[in-house]
């Protein structure tokens, strides 16, 4: 879950991030794998939810591949949850990776 820890933030816009999925082997370097990650945001005030799916299809087997995503409907949210909803190896071995989160914060008055 992504929630800003600064208590003076009322809400935020999730602008962009980079994401990937790997197989967690616990013994070797992680291997990239195809997956779908579901991002669910909760809107400030109304509590309404907004959902966007992130689909990752690596072009090489190595671990250092990321895709980019933008979130045009994740405006004025208070939290975002990320869940792996589909992967080649299933949820037991599939690991979603989230990096370089860009957001705009709106502070309480």
Protein backbone atom coordinates (compact mmCIF):
# COMPACT_ATOMS: atom_id res chain seq x y z
CA UNK A 1 0.00 0.00 0.00
CA UNK A 2 1.18 3.52 -0.75
CA UNK A 3 0.08 6.18 1.70
CA UNK A 4 2.18 9.31 2.37
CA UNK A 5 3.40 9.25 5.99
CA UNK A 6 3.30 13.03 6.39
CA UNK A 7 0.17 13.71 8.49
CA UNK A 8 -0.20 17.19 6.96
CA UNK A 9 -1.05 15.68 3.53
CA UNK A 10 -4.82 15.61 2.90
CA UNK A 11 -4.67 13.80 -0.45
CA UNK A 12 -2.43 13.23 -3.46
CA UNK A 13 -2.43 12.58 -7.18
CA UNK A 14 -0.57 9.44 -8.21
CA UNK A 15 1.23 10.61 -11.34
CA UNK A 16 3.48 7.75 -12.41
CA UNK A 17 5.63 4.82 -11.37
CA UNK A 18 7.74 1.99 -12.73
CA UNK A 19 6.79 -1.63 -12.15
CA UNK A 20 7.88 -5.19 -12.84
CA UNK A 21 7.33 -8.77 -11.71
CA UNK A 22 9.90 -11.41 -10.88
CA UNK A 23 9.97 -15.01 -9.75
CA UNK A 24 11.13 -15.29 -6.15
CA UNK A 25 13.53 -18.22 -6.19
CA UNK A 26 15.29 -17.27 -2.92
CA UNK A 27 18.46 -18.91 -4.25
CA UNK A 28 19.36 -17.15 -7.51
CA UNK A 29 18.91 -13.77 -9.14
CA UNK A 30 15.22 -13.02 -9.68
CA UNK A 31 13.93 -13.75 -13.18
CA UNK A 32 11.45 -11.40 -14.84
CA UNK A 33 8.01 -12.85 -15.55
CA UNK A 34 4.76 -11.66 -17.10
CA UNK A 35 2.09 -10.52 -14.67
CA UNK A 36 -0.86 -8.25 -14.00
CA UNK A 37 -0.87 -5.93 -11.00
CA UNK A 38 -4.10 -4.25 -9.91
CA UNK A 39 -3.80 -0.75 -8.43
CA UNK A 40 -6.79 0.37 -6.35
CA UNK A 41 -7.01 3.94 -5.05
CA UNK A 42 -9.37 5.40 -2.45
CA UNK A 43 -10.62 8.94 -3.17
CA UNK A 44 -10.48 11.66 -0.53
CA UNK A 45 -13.89 12.67 0.83
CA UNK A 46 -16.16 10.24 -1.02
CA UNK A 47 -14.21 7.05 -0.30
CA UNK A 48 -14.91 5.93 -3.88
CA UNK A 49 -12.41 3.52 -5.42
CA UNK A 50 -10.59 3.78 -8.74
CA UNK A 51 -8.93 0.73 -10.31
CA UNK A 52 -6.24 0.40 -12.96
CA UNK A 53 -4.48 -2.76 -14.15
CA UNK A 54 -0.76 -2.76 -14.89
CA UNK A 55 0.38 -5.42 -17.35
CA UNK A 56 4.03 -6.40 -17.41
CA UNK A 57 5.47 -8.41 -20.32
CA UNK A 58 9.28 -8.61 -20.10
CA UNK A 59 11.27 -8.84 -23.30
CA UNK A 60 14.31 -10.51 -21.71
CA UNK A 61 14.66 -13.06 -18.87
CA UNK A 62 16.93 -10.85 -16.71
CA UNK A 63 15.85 -9.13 -13.47
CA UNK A 64 16.38 -5.44 -14.30
CA UNK A 65 13.41 -4.68 -16.53
CA UNK A 66 10.66 -2.23 -15.63
CA UNK A 67 7.63 -0.82 -17.40
CA UNK A 68 6.19 2.66 -16.84
CA UNK A 69 2.64 3.58 -15.93
CA UNK A 70 0.71 6.84 -15.54
CA UNK A 71 -2.52 7.29 -13.60
CA UNK A 72 -4.83 9.93 -15.11
CA UNK A 73 -7.78 8.97 -12.85
CA UNK A 74 -5.88 8.67 -9.55
CA UNK A 75 -6.47 12.30 -8.54
CA UNK A 76 -7.25 13.40 -5.00
CA UNK A 77 -6.68 9.98 -3.44
CA UNK A 78 -5.69 9.05 0.12
CA UNK A 79 -4.16 5.61 -0.52
CA UNK A 80 -3.23 3.19 -3.28
CA UNK A 81 -3.04 -0.59 -2.85
CA UNK A 82 -1.14 -2.85 -5.26
CA UNK A 83 -2.10 -6.51 -5.66
CA UNK A 84 -0.68 -9.21 -7.91
CA UNK A 85 -3.74 -10.62 -9.68
CA UNK A 86 -2.07 -12.80 -12.33
CA UNK A 87 1.41 -14.22 -12.85
CA UNK A 88 2.99 -17.15 -14.64
CA UNK A 89 4.05 -18.82 -11.40
CA UNK A 90 1.07 -17.77 -9.28
CA UNK A 91 1.00 -15.60 -6.19
CA UNK A 92 3.23 -17.93 -4.14
CA UNK A 93 6.34 -17.24 -6.25
CA UNK A 94 5.39 -14.06 -8.12
CA UNK A 95 6.72 -10.81 -6.68
CA UNK A 96 5.49 -7.40 -7.90
CA UNK A 97 8.07 -4.59 -7.81
CA UNK A 98 7.15 -0.89 -7.59
CA UNK A 99 9.76 1.87 -8.02
CA UNK A 100 10.13 5.59 -8.76
CA UNK A 101 6.69 6.64 -7.51
CA UNK A 102 5.82 10.16 -8.66
CA UNK A 103 2.99 11.99 -6.91
CA UNK A 104 1.68 15.48 -6.18
CA UNK A 105 0.71 16.11 -2.55
CA UNK A 106 -2.08 18.39 -1.36
CA UNK A 107 -1.60 19.67 2.17
CA UNK A 108 -4.19 20.40 4.85
CA UNK A 109 -4.86 24.08 5.52
